PDB file of N, CA and C in Angstrom:
ATOM      1  N   MET A   1       1.052 -52.211  -8.114  1.00  0.00           N
ATOM      2  CA  MET A   1       1.380 -50.830  -7.831  1.00  0.00           C
ATOM      3  C   MET A   1       0.982 -50.499  -6.390  1.00  0.00           C
ATOM      4  N   LYS A   2       1.868 -49.836  -5.695  1.00  0.00           N
ATOM      5  CA  LYS A   2       1.642 -49.506  -4.295  1.00  0.00           C
ATOM      6  C   LYS A   2       0.746 -48.272  -4.188  1.00  0.00           C
ATOM      7  N   LYS A   3      -0.241 -48.313  -3.328  1.00  0.00           N
ATOM      8  CA  LYS A   3      -1.161 -47.201  -3.118  1.00  0.00           C
ATOM      9  C   LYS A   3      -0.493 -46.166  -2.210  1.00  0.00           C
ATOM     10  N   VAL A   4      -0.533 -44.916  -2.632  1.00  0.00           N
ATOM     11  CA  VAL A   4       0.074 -43.842  -1.865  1.00  0.00           C
ATOM     12  C   VAL A   4      -1.026 -43.072  -1.145  1.00  0.00           C
ATOM     13  N   LEU A   5      -0.879 -42.927   0.131  1.00  0.00           N
ATOM     14  CA  LEU A   5      -1.849 -42.167   0.912  1.00  0.00           C
ATOM     15  C   LEU A   5      -1.270 -40.787   1.223  1.00  0.00           C
ATOM     16  N   TYR A   6      -2.034 -39.801   0.927  1.00  0.00           N
ATOM     17  CA  TYR A   6      -1.603 -38.432   1.190  1.00  0.00           C
ATOM     18  C   TYR A   6      -2.343 -37.929   2.420  1.00  0.00           C
ATOM     19  N   THR A   7      -1.741 -38.069   3.539  1.00  0.00           N
ATOM     20  CA  THR A   7      -2.404 -37.677   4.781  1.00  0.00           C
ATOM     21  C   THR A   7      -1.668 -36.570   5.521  1.00  0.00           C
ATOM     22  N   ASP A   8      -0.582 -36.093   4.957  1.00  0.00           N
ATOM     23  CA  ASP A   8       0.205 -35.070   5.637  1.00  0.00           C
ATOM     24  C   ASP A   8      -0.118 -33.667   5.134  1.00  0.00           C
ATOM     25  N   PHE A   9      -1.344 -33.469   4.670  1.00  0.00           N
ATOM     26  CA  PHE A   9      -1.713 -32.149   4.177  1.00  0.00           C
ATOM     27  C   PHE A   9      -1.804 -31.159   5.320  1.00  0.00           C
ATOM     28  N   GLU A  10      -1.430 -29.946   5.007  1.00  0.00           N
ATOM     29  CA  GLU A  10      -1.527 -28.872   5.982  1.00  0.00           C
ATOM     30  C   GLU A  10      -2.848 -28.150   5.736  1.00  0.00           C
ATOM     31  N   GLY A  11      -3.542 -27.807   6.778  1.00  0.00           N
ATOM     32  CA  GLY A  11      -4.831 -27.131   6.646  1.00  0.00           C
ATOM     33  C   GLY A  11      -4.670 -25.711   6.122  1.00  0.00           C
ATOM     34  N   VAL A  12      -5.711 -25.233   5.467  1.00  0.00           N
ATOM     35  CA  VAL A  12      -5.696 -23.880   4.904  1.00  0.00           C
ATOM     36  C   VAL A  12      -5.492 -22.848   6.001  1.00  0.00           C
ATOM     37  N   ASP A  13      -6.120 -23.033   7.137  1.00  0.00           N
ATOM     38  CA  ASP A  13      -5.984 -22.070   8.223  1.00  0.00           C
ATOM     39  C   ASP A  13      -4.544 -21.952   8.715  1.00  0.00           C
ATOM     40  N   SER A  14      -3.815 -23.066   8.759  1.00  0.00           N
ATOM     41  CA  SER A  14      -2.420 -22.983   9.198  1.00  0.00           C
ATOM     42  C   SER A  14      -1.527 -22.371   8.122  1.00  0.00           C
ATOM     43  N   VAL A  15      -1.861 -22.584   6.845  1.00  0.00           N
ATOM     44  CA  VAL A  15      -1.094 -21.962   5.758  1.00  0.00           C
ATOM     45  C   VAL A  15      -1.272 -20.442   5.805  1.00  0.00           C
ATOM     46  N   ILE A  16      -2.510 -19.996   5.948  1.00  0.00           N
ATOM     47  CA  ILE A  16      -2.782 -18.558   6.010  1.00  0.00           C
ATOM     48  C   ILE A  16      -2.142 -17.952   7.250  1.00  0.00           C
ATOM     49  N   SER A  17      -2.231 -18.661   8.355  1.00  0.00           N
ATOM     50  CA  SER A  17      -1.632 -18.171   9.592  1.00  0.00           C
ATOM     51  C   SER A  17      -0.121 -17.985   9.437  1.00  0.00           C
ATOM     52  N   SER A  18       0.540 -18.957   8.825  1.00  0.00           N
ATOM     53  CA  SER A  18       1.989 -18.830   8.637  1.00  0.00           C
ATOM     54  C   SER A  18       2.329 -17.729   7.638  1.00  0.00           C
ATOM     55  N   MET A  19       1.466 -17.525   6.640  1.00  0.00           N
ATOM     56  CA  MET A  19       1.704 -16.440   5.683  1.00  0.00           C
ATOM     57  C   MET A  19       1.565 -15.081   6.357  1.00  0.00           C
ATOM     58  N   MET A  20       0.600 -14.960   7.273  1.00  0.00           N
ATOM     59  CA  MET A  20       0.367 -13.679   7.942  1.00  0.00           C
ATOM     60  C   MET A  20       1.456 -13.344   8.954  1.00  0.00           C
ATOM     61  N   ASP A  21       2.312 -14.292   9.257  1.00  0.00           N
ATOM     62  CA  ASP A  21       3.451 -14.011  10.128  1.00  0.00           C
ATOM     63  C   ASP A  21       4.556 -13.256   9.389  1.00  0.00           C
ATOM     64  N   ASN A  22       4.470 -13.232   8.073  1.00  0.00           N
ATOM     65  CA  ASN A  22       5.450 -12.535   7.253  1.00  0.00           C
ATOM     66  C   ASN A  22       5.162 -11.034   7.299  1.00  0.00           C
ATOM     67  N   PRO A  23       6.069 -10.214   7.867  1.00  0.00           N
ATOM     68  CA  PRO A  23       5.807  -8.778   7.996  1.00  0.00           C
ATOM     69  C   PRO A  23       5.665  -8.058   6.652  1.00  0.00           C
ATOM     70  N   GLN A  24       6.372  -8.514   5.645  1.00  0.00           N
ATOM     71  CA  GLN A  24       6.259  -7.871   4.331  1.00  0.00           C
ATOM     72  C   GLN A  24       4.884  -8.107   3.722  1.00  0.00           C
ATOM     73  N   LEU A  25       4.355  -9.291   3.902  1.00  0.00           N
ATOM     74  CA  LEU A  25       3.017  -9.589   3.399  1.00  0.00           C
ATOM     75  C   LEU A  25       1.970  -8.779   4.148  1.00  0.00           C
ATOM     76  N   LYS A  26       2.133  -8.655   5.456  1.00  0.00           N
ATOM     77  CA  LYS A  26       1.209  -7.832   6.249  1.00  0.00           C
ATOM     78  C   LYS A  26       1.215  -6.394   5.756  1.00  0.00           C
ATOM     79  N   LYS A  27       2.411  -5.878   5.492  1.00  0.00           N
ATOM     80  CA  LYS A  27       2.544  -4.498   5.027  1.00  0.00           C
ATOM     81  C   LYS A  27       1.872  -4.323   3.664  1.00  0.00           C
ATOM     82  N   ALA A  28       2.061  -5.294   2.771  1.00  0.00           N
ATOM     83  CA  ALA A  28       1.461  -5.225   1.440  1.00  0.00           C
ATOM     84  C   ALA A  28      -0.063  -5.258   1.518  1.00  0.00           C
ATOM     85  N   ILE A  29      -0.602  -6.092   2.372  1.00  0.00           N
ATOM     86  CA  ILE A  29      -2.063  -6.170   2.520  1.00  0.00           C
ATOM     87  C   ILE A  29      -2.608  -4.871   3.093  1.00  0.00           C
ATOM     88  N   THR A  30      -1.925  -4.312   4.072  1.00  0.00           N
ATOM     89  CA  THR A  30      -2.363  -3.051   4.669  1.00  0.00           C
ATOM     90  C   THR A  30      -2.335  -1.926   3.643  1.00  0.00           C
ATOM     91  N   ARG A  31      -1.286  -1.879   2.833  1.00  0.00           N
ATOM     92  CA  ARG A  31      -1.209  -0.847   1.788  1.00  0.00           C
ATOM     93  C   ARG A  31      -2.315  -1.023   0.754  1.00  0.00           C
ATOM     94  N   THR A  32      -2.589  -2.254   0.379  1.00  0.00           N
ATOM     95  CA  THR A  32      -3.655  -2.516  -0.575  1.00  0.00           C
ATOM     96  C   THR A  32      -4.994  -2.053  -0.014  1.00  0.00           C
ATOM     97  N   ASN A  33      -5.219  -2.307   1.261  1.00  0.00           N
ATOM     98  CA  ASN A  33      -6.442  -1.823   1.903  1.00  0.00           C
ATOM     99  C   ASN A  33      -6.510  -0.302   1.873  1.00  0.00           C
ATOM    100  N   LEU A  34      -5.406   0.342   2.157  1.00  0.00           N
ATOM    101  CA  LEU A  34      -5.362   1.800   2.129  1.00  0.00           C
ATOM    102  C   LEU A  34      -5.651   2.315   0.722  1.00  0.00           C
ATOM    103  N   TYR A  35      -5.055   1.700  -0.279  1.00  0.00           N
ATOM    104  CA  TYR A  35      -5.264   2.133  -1.660  1.00  0.00           C
ATOM    105  C   TYR A  35      -6.725   2.015  -2.072  1.00  0.00           C
ATOM    106  N   SER A  36      -7.440   1.052  -1.504  1.00  0.00           N
ATOM    107  CA  SER A  36      -8.840   0.867  -1.870  1.00  0.00           C
ATOM    108  C   SER A  36      -9.713   2.034  -1.412  1.00  0.00           C
ATOM    109  N   PHE A  37      -9.242   2.823  -0.460  1.00  0.00           N
ATOM    110  CA  PHE A  37     -10.008   3.973   0.020  1.00  0.00           C
ATOM    111  C   PHE A  37      -9.832   5.219  -0.852  1.00  0.00           C
ATOM    112  N   TRP A  38      -8.938   5.176  -1.814  1.00  0.00           N
ATOM    113  CA  TRP A  38      -8.670   6.342  -2.660  1.00  0.00           C
ATOM    114  C   TRP A  38      -9.950   6.856  -3.325  1.00  0.00           C
ATOM    115  N   ASP A  39     -10.769   5.946  -3.847  1.00  0.00           N
ATOM    116  CA  ASP A  39     -12.002   6.362  -4.520  1.00  0.00           C
ATOM    117  C   ASP A  39     -12.980   7.053  -3.583  1.00  0.00           C
ATOM    118  N   LYS A  40     -12.879   6.799  -2.297  1.00  0.00           N
ATOM    119  CA  LYS A  40     -13.780   7.421  -1.326  1.00  0.00           C
ATOM    120  C   LYS A  40     -13.370   8.850  -0.977  1.00  0.00           C
ATOM    121  N   ILE A  41     -12.101   9.180  -1.139  1.00  0.00           N
ATOM    122  CA  ILE A  41     -11.657  10.505  -0.701  1.00  0.00           C
ATOM    123  C   ILE A  41     -11.385  11.474  -1.853  1.00  0.00           C
ATOM    124  N   VAL A  42     -11.102  10.957  -3.032  1.00  0.00           N
ATOM    125  CA  VAL A  42     -10.750  11.825  -4.153  1.00  0.00           C
ATOM    126  C   VAL A  42     -12.038  12.381  -4.787  1.00  0.00           C
ATOM    127  N   PRO A  43     -12.009  13.638  -5.269  1.00  0.00           N
ATOM    128  CA  PRO A  43     -13.184  14.165  -5.972  1.00  0.00           C
ATOM    129  C   PRO A  43     -13.562  13.259  -7.153  1.00  0.00           C
ATOM    130  N   SER A  44     -14.850  13.145  -7.407  1.00  0.00           N
ATOM    131  CA  SER A  44     -15.352  12.178  -8.399  1.00  0.00           C
ATOM    132  C   SER A  44     -14.760  12.356  -9.790  1.00  0.00           C
ATOM    133  N   LYS A  45     -14.440  13.588 -10.174  1.00  0.00           N
ATOM    134  CA  LYS A  45     -13.897  13.788 -11.524  1.00  0.00           C
ATOM    135  C   LYS A  45     -12.482  13.214 -11.686  1.00  0.00           C
ATOM    136  N   PHE A  46     -11.842  12.857 -10.564  1.00  0.00           N
ATOM    137  CA  PHE A  46     -10.485  12.306 -10.632  1.00  0.00           C
ATOM    138  C   PHE A  46     -10.420  10.799 -10.365  1.00  0.00           C
ATOM    139  N   LYS A  47     -11.545  10.181 -10.097  1.00  0.00           N
ATOM    140  CA  LYS A  47     -11.542   8.752  -9.731  1.00  0.00           C
ATOM    141  C   LYS A  47     -10.967   7.875 -10.830  1.00  0.00           C
ATOM    142  N   ASN A  48     -11.286   8.167 -12.064  1.00  0.00           N
ATOM    143  CA  ASN A  48     -10.787   7.359 -13.180  1.00  0.00           C
ATOM    144  C   ASN A  48      -9.510   7.924 -13.782  1.00  0.00           C
ATOM    145  N   ARG A  49      -9.014   8.999 -13.221  1.00  0.00           N
ATOM    146  CA  ARG A  49      -7.824   9.659 -13.762  1.00  0.00           C
ATOM    147  C   ARG A  49      -6.633   9.625 -12.813  1.00  0.00           C
ATOM    148  N   SER A  50      -6.811   8.963 -11.670  1.00  0.00           N
ATOM    149  CA  SER A  50      -5.720   8.851 -10.692  1.00  0.00           C
ATOM    150  C   SER A  50      -5.907   7.579  -9.880  1.00  0.00           C
ATOM    151  N   LYS A  51      -4.792   7.052  -9.384  1.00  0.00           N
ATOM    152  CA  LYS A  51      -4.850   5.867  -8.525  1.00  0.00           C
ATOM    153  C   LYS A  51      -3.553   5.766  -7.741  1.00  0.00           C
ATOM    154  N   PRO A  52      -3.630   5.240  -6.527  1.00  0.00           N
ATOM    155  CA  PRO A  52      -2.419   5.062  -5.741  1.00  0.00           C
ATOM    156  C   PRO A  52      -1.454   4.122  -6.445  1.00  0.00           C
ATOM    157  N   TYR A  53      -0.179   4.473  -6.403  1.00  0.00           N
ATOM    158  CA  TYR A  53       0.840   3.690  -7.100  1.00  0.00           C
ATOM    159  C   TYR A  53       1.768   2.969  -6.127  1.00  0.00           C
ATOM    160  N   SER A  54       2.283   3.711  -5.143  1.00  0.00           N
ATOM    161  CA  SER A  54       3.221   3.105  -4.193  1.00  0.00           C
ATOM    162  C   SER A  54       3.379   3.999  -2.972  1.00  0.00           C
ATOM    163  N   MET A  55       4.137   3.472  -2.013  1.00  0.00           N
ATOM    164  CA  MET A  55       4.519   4.244  -0.836  1.00  0.00           C
ATOM    165  C   MET A  55       6.035   4.322  -0.827  1.00  0.00           C
ATOM    166  N   THR A  56       6.561   5.489  -0.529  1.00  0.00           N
ATOM    167  CA  THR A  56       8.011   5.648  -0.448  1.00  0.00           C
ATOM    168  C   THR A  56       8.409   5.860   1.005  1.00  0.00           C
ATOM    169  N   PHE A  57       9.700   5.930   1.207  1.00  0.00           N
ATOM    170  CA  PHE A  57      10.252   6.121   2.543  1.00  0.00           C
ATOM    171  C   PHE A  57       9.699   7.406   3.162  1.00  0.00           C
ATOM    172  N   GLY A  58       9.364   7.349   4.420  1.00  0.00           N
ATOM    173  CA  GLY A  58       8.879   8.535   5.117  1.00  0.00           C
ATOM    174  C   GLY A  58       7.378   8.720   5.025  1.00  0.00           C
ATOM    175  N   GLY A  59       6.645   7.734   4.519  1.00  0.00           N
ATOM    176  CA  GLY A  59       5.190   7.831   4.461  1.00  0.00           C
ATOM    177  C   GLY A  59       4.648   8.679   3.331  1.00  0.00           C
ATOM    178  N   ILE A  60       5.378   8.758   2.235  1.00  0.00           N
ATOM    179  CA  ILE A  60       4.902   9.523   1.076  1.00  0.00           C
ATOM    180  C   ILE A  60       4.202   8.574   0.114  1.00  0.00           C
ATOM    181  N   MET A  61       2.934   8.860  -0.158  1.00  0.00           N
ATOM    182  CA  MET A  61       2.160   8.039  -1.083  1.00  0.00           C
ATOM    183  C   MET A  61       2.270   8.638  -2.480  1.00  0.00           C
ATOM    184  N   VAL A  62       2.677   7.811  -3.434  1.00  0.00           N
ATOM    185  CA  VAL A  62       2.789   8.235  -4.822  1.00  0.00           C
ATOM    186  C   VAL A  62       1.475   7.893  -5.524  1.00  0.00           C
ATOM    187  N   ILE A  63       0.902   8.896  -6.164  1.00  0.00           N
ATOM    188  CA  ILE A  63      -0.359   8.739  -6.882  1.00  0.00           C
ATOM    189  C   ILE A  63      -0.082   8.868  -8.377  1.00  0.00           C
ATOM    190  N   ALA A  64      -0.432   7.833  -9.128  1.00  0.00           N
ATOM    191  CA  ALA A  64      -0.293   7.886 -10.588  1.00  0.00           C
ATOM    192  C   ALA A  64      -1.450   8.711 -11.140  1.00  0.00           C
ATOM    193  N   CYS A  65      -1.128   9.648 -12.019  1.00  0.00           N
ATOM    194  CA  CYS A  65      -2.137  10.534 -12.605  1.00  0.00           C
ATOM    195  C   CYS A  65      -2.135  10.387 -14.117  1.00  0.00           C
ATOM    196  N   GLU A  66      -3.301  10.582 -14.712  1.00  0.00           N
ATOM    197  CA  GLU A  66      -3.458  10.420 -16.153  1.00  0.00           C
ATOM    198  C   GLU A  66      -2.569  11.377 -16.945  1.00  0.00           C
ATOM    199  N   ASN A  67      -2.418  12.602 -16.455  1.00  0.00           N
ATOM    200  CA  ASN A  67      -1.584  13.593 -17.141  1.00  0.00           C
ATOM    201  C   ASN A  67      -1.158  14.685 -16.151  1.00  0.00           C
ATOM    202  N   HIS A  68      -0.396  15.642 -16.654  1.00  0.00           N
ATOM    203  CA  HIS A  68       0.122  16.720 -15.793  1.00  0.00           C
ATOM    204  C   HIS A  68      -0.991  17.605 -15.244  1.00  0.00           C
ATOM    205  N   ILE A  69      -2.045  17.769 -16.008  1.00  0.00           N
ATOM    206  CA  ILE A  69      -3.157  18.616 -15.563  1.00  0.00           C
ATOM    207  C   ILE A  69      -3.827  18.014 -14.333  1.00  0.00           C
ATOM    208  N   VAL A  70      -4.078  16.720 -14.382  1.00  0.00           N
ATOM    209  CA  VAL A  70      -4.685  16.030 -13.235  1.00  0.00           C
ATOM    210  C   VAL A  70      -3.747  16.113 -12.031  1.00  0.00           C
ATOM    211  N   ALA A  71      -2.458  15.912 -12.253  1.00  0.00           N
ATOM    212  CA  ALA A  71      -1.484  15.993 -11.162  1.00  0.00           C
ATOM    213  C   ALA A  71      -1.490  17.384 -10.522  1.00  0.00           C
ATOM    214  N   GLN A  72      -1.547  18.407 -11.341  1.00  0.00           N
ATOM    215  CA  GLN A  72      -1.558  19.783 -10.827  1.00  0.00           C
ATOM    216  C   GLN A  72      -2.832  20.068 -10.030  1.00  0.00           C
ATOM    217  N   GLU A  73      -3.981  19.661 -10.572  1.00  0.00           N
ATOM    218  CA  GLU A  73      -5.238  19.910  -9.865  1.00  0.00           C
ATOM    219  C   GLU A  73      -5.288  19.152  -8.534  1.00  0.00           C
ATOM    220  N   LEU A  74      -4.828  17.906  -8.547  1.00  0.00           N
ATOM    221  CA  LEU A  74      -4.829  17.131  -7.309  1.00  0.00           C
ATOM    222  C   LEU A  74      -3.872  17.720  -6.279  1.00  0.00           C
ATOM    223  N   SER A  75      -2.781  18.290  -6.742  1.00  0.00           N
ATOM    224  CA  SER A  75      -1.843  18.892  -5.790  1.00  0.00           C
ATOM    225  C   SER A  75      -2.497  20.069  -5.057  1.00  0.00           C
ATOM    226  N   LEU A  76      -3.468  20.710  -5.695  1.00  0.00           N
ATOM    227  CA  LEU A  76      -4.200  21.795  -5.034  1.00  0.00           C
ATOM    228  C   LEU A  76      -5.125  21.250  -3.941  1.00  0.00           C
ATOM    229  N   TYR A  77      -5.537  19.999  -4.071  1.00  0.00           N
ATOM    230  CA  TYR A  77      -6.402  19.340  -3.097  1.00  0.00           C
ATOM    231  C   TYR A  77      -5.613  18.576  -2.029  1.00  0.00           C
ATOM    232  N   LYS A  78      -4.304  18.639  -2.058  1.00  0.00           N
ATOM    233  CA  LYS A  78      -3.459  17.782  -1.211  1.00  0.00           C
ATOM    234  C   LYS A  78      -3.834  17.838   0.265  1.00  0.00           C
ATOM    235  N   VAL A  79      -3.995  19.021   0.820  1.00  0.00           N
ATOM    236  CA  VAL A  79      -4.299  19.167   2.251  1.00  0.00           C
ATOM    237  C   VAL A  79      -5.653  18.538   2.573  1.00  0.00           C
ATOM    238  N   VAL A  80      -6.625  18.751   1.701  1.00  0.00           N
ATOM    239  CA  VAL A  80      -7.961  18.190   1.899  1.00  0.00           C
ATOM    240  C   VAL A  80      -7.914  16.661   1.822  1.00  0.00           C
ATOM    241  N   LEU A  81      -7.173  16.141   0.855  1.00  0.00           N
ATOM    242  CA  LEU A  81      -7.062  14.689   0.689  1.00  0.00           C
ATOM    243  C   LEU A  81      -6.403  14.043   1.903  1.00  0.00           C
ATOM    244  N   LEU A  82      -5.345  14.653   2.400  1.00  0.00           N
ATOM    245  CA  LEU A  82      -4.667  14.118   3.583  1.00  0.00           C
ATOM    246  C   LEU A  82      -5.600  14.118   4.796  1.00  0.00           C
ATOM    247  N   LYS A  83      -6.405  15.168   4.909  1.00  0.00           N
ATOM    248  CA  LYS A  83      -7.359  15.261   6.020  1.00  0.00           C
ATOM    249  C   LYS A  83      -8.422  14.171   5.906  1.00  0.00           C
ATOM    250  N   LYS A  84      -8.907  13.916   4.676  1.00  0.00           N
ATOM    251  CA  LYS A  84      -9.922  12.879   4.467  1.00  0.00           C
ATOM    252  C   LYS A  84      -9.358  11.479   4.689  1.00  0.00           C
ATOM    253  N   PHE A  85      -8.069  11.321   4.491  1.00  0.00           N
ATOM    254  CA  PHE A  85      -7.411  10.024   4.672  1.00  0.00           C
ATOM    255  C   PHE A  85      -7.238   9.656   6.154  1.00  0.00           C
ATOM    256  N   GLU A  86      -7.238  10.640   7.037  1.00  0.00           N
ATOM    257  CA  GLU A  86      -6.928  10.419   8.456  1.00  0.00           C
ATOM    258  C   GLU A  86      -7.706   9.281   9.112  1.00  0.00           C
ATOM    259  N   PRO A  87      -9.042   9.208   8.978  1.00  0.00           N
ATOM    260  CA  PRO A  87      -9.757   8.105   9.656  1.00  0.00           C
ATOM    261  C   PRO A  87      -9.318   6.724   9.154  1.00  0.00           C
ATOM    262  N   TYR A  88      -9.065   6.615   7.866  1.00  0.00           N
ATOM    263  CA  TYR A  88      -8.634   5.335   7.296  1.00  0.00           C
ATOM    264  C   TYR A  88      -7.226   4.981   7.767  1.00  0.00           C
ATOM    265  N   LEU A  89      -6.369   5.978   7.856  1.00  0.00           N
ATOM    266  CA  LEU A  89      -5.010   5.751   8.319  1.00  0.00           C
ATOM    267  C   LEU A  89      -4.995   5.294   9.771  1.00  0.00           C
ATOM    268  N   LYS A  90      -5.842   5.911  10.594  1.00  0.00           N
ATOM    269  CA  LYS A  90      -5.906   5.523  12.003  1.00  0.00           C
ATOM    270  C   LYS A  90      -6.384   4.091  12.147  1.00  0.00           C
ATOM    271  N   SER A  91      -7.396   3.714  11.363  1.00  0.00           N
ATOM    272  CA  SER A  91      -7.927   2.357  11.499  1.00  0.00           C
ATOM    273  C   SER A  91      -6.919   1.304  11.029  1.00  0.00           C
ATOM    274  N   LEU A  92      -6.071   1.660  10.063  1.00  0.00           N
ATOM    275  CA  LEU A  92      -5.057   0.731   9.560  1.00  0.00           C
ATOM    276  C   LEU A  92      -3.715   0.877  10.290  1.00  0.00           C
ATOM    277  N   LYS A  93      -3.651   1.855  11.192  1.00  0.00           N
ATOM    278  CA  LYS A  93      -2.415   2.146  11.941  1.00  0.00           C
ATOM    279  C   LYS A  93      -1.257   2.423  10.986  1.00  0.00           C
ATOM    280  N   MET A  94      -1.541   3.307  10.034  1.00  0.00           N
ATOM    281  CA  MET A  94      -0.521   3.710   9.051  1.00  0.00           C
ATOM    282  C   MET A  94      -0.296   5.208   9.154  1.00  0.00           C
ATOM    283  N   ARG A  95       0.762   5.644   8.480  1.00  0.00           N
ATOM    284  CA  ARG A  95       1.115   7.064   8.477  1.00  0.00           C
ATOM    285  C   ARG A  95       1.412   7.485   7.047  1.00  0.00           C
ATOM    286  N   VAL A  96       0.693   8.494   6.577  1.00  0.00           N
ATOM    287  CA  VAL A  96       0.987   9.101   5.280  1.00  0.00           C
ATOM    288  C   VAL A  96       1.272  10.567   5.562  1.00  0.00           C
ATOM    289  N   THR A  97       2.487  10.994   5.258  1.00  0.00           N
ATOM    290  CA  THR A  97       2.885  12.365   5.565  1.00  0.00           C
ATOM    291  C   THR A  97       2.683  13.311   4.391  1.00  0.00           C
ATOM    292  N   ASP A  98       2.680  12.750   3.166  1.00  0.00           N
ATOM    293  CA  ASP A  98       2.585  13.603   1.987  1.00  0.00           C
ATOM    294  C   ASP A  98       2.051  12.782   0.811  1.00  0.00           C
ATOM    295  N   LEU A  99       1.557  13.492  -0.183  1.00  0.00           N
ATOM    296  CA  LEU A  99       1.109  12.866  -1.425  1.00  0.00           C
ATOM    297  C   LEU A  99       1.945  13.433  -2.562  1.00  0.00           C
ATOM    298  N   LYS A 100       2.427  12.563  -3.423  1.00  0.00           N
ATOM    299  CA  LYS A 100       3.194  12.977  -4.594  1.00  0.00           C
ATOM    300  C   LYS A 100       2.409  12.516  -5.822  1.00  0.00           C
ATOM    301  N   PHE A 101       2.092  13.445  -6.700  1.00  0.00           N
ATOM    302  CA  PHE A 101       1.299  13.141  -7.885  1.00  0.00           C
ATOM    303  C   PHE A 101       2.230  13.036  -9.089  1.00  0.00           C
ATOM    304  N   ASP A 102       2.230  11.859  -9.726  1.00  0.00           N
ATOM    305  CA  ASP A 102       3.201  11.575 -10.773  1.00  0.00           C
ATOM    306  C   ASP A 102       2.528  11.035 -12.039  1.00  0.00           C
ATOM    307  N   PRO A 103       2.464  11.839 -13.094  1.00  0.00           N
ATOM    308  CA  PRO A 103       1.851  11.366 -14.349  1.00  0.00           C
ATOM    309  C   PRO A 103       2.719  10.310 -15.075  1.00  0.00           C
ATOM    310  N   LYS A 104       3.994  10.221 -14.741  1.00  0.00           N
ATOM    311  CA  LYS A 104       4.874   9.228 -15.401  1.00  0.00           C
ATOM    312  C   LYS A 104       4.536   7.810 -14.975  1.00  0.00           C
ATOM    313  N   LYS A 105       3.863   7.650 -13.840  1.00  0.00           N
ATOM    314  CA  LYS A 105       3.531   6.333 -13.316  1.00  0.00           C
ATOM    315  C   LYS A 105       2.220   5.774 -13.896  1.00  0.00           C
ATOM    316  N   TRP A 106       1.508   6.586 -14.664  1.00  0.00           N
ATOM    317  CA  TRP A 106       0.195   6.174 -15.174  1.00  0.00           C
ATOM    318  C   TRP A 106       0.348   5.074 -16.218  1.00  0.00           C
ATOM    319  N   VAL A 107      -0.413   4.001 -16.030  1.00  0.00           N
ATOM    320  CA  VAL A 107      -0.433   2.887 -16.967  1.00  0.00           C
ATOM    321  C   VAL A 107      -1.880   2.633 -17.359  1.00  0.00           C
ATOM    322  N   VAL A 108      -2.155   2.598 -18.637  1.00  0.00           N
ATOM    323  CA  VAL A 108      -3.505   2.348 -19.122  1.00  0.00           C
ATOM    324  C   VAL A 108      -3.766   0.852 -19.029  1.00  0.00           C
ATOM    325  N   GLU A 109      -4.843   0.495 -18.375  1.00  0.00           N
ATOM    326  CA  GLU A 109      -5.174  -0.934 -18.211  1.00  0.00           C
ATOM    327  C   GLU A 109      -6.120  -1.388 -19.274  1.00  0.00           C
TER     328      GLU A 109
END
């Protein structure tokens, strides 16, 4: 039996580097980073009742809410939440123009 040598492996650093050249992957990572800041800006009573769901065209962040009551209360905090998001948005070089609170997007994990 002939011995096979595997010497053409690509290094992890070059694989990651080539992956980071993909603009869609960069965008997804940046959004995930932004979503991780939600717990820092939302009032504590809503941390387990809301979570970022997606971003839509025009910089609108969709927030999944446990129910209509949570969505309504968070909509009253919208201006404050957007203001608290500003430092994180600047550091990630992102733009969020509005927040949309949607109880239909809530999924129990």
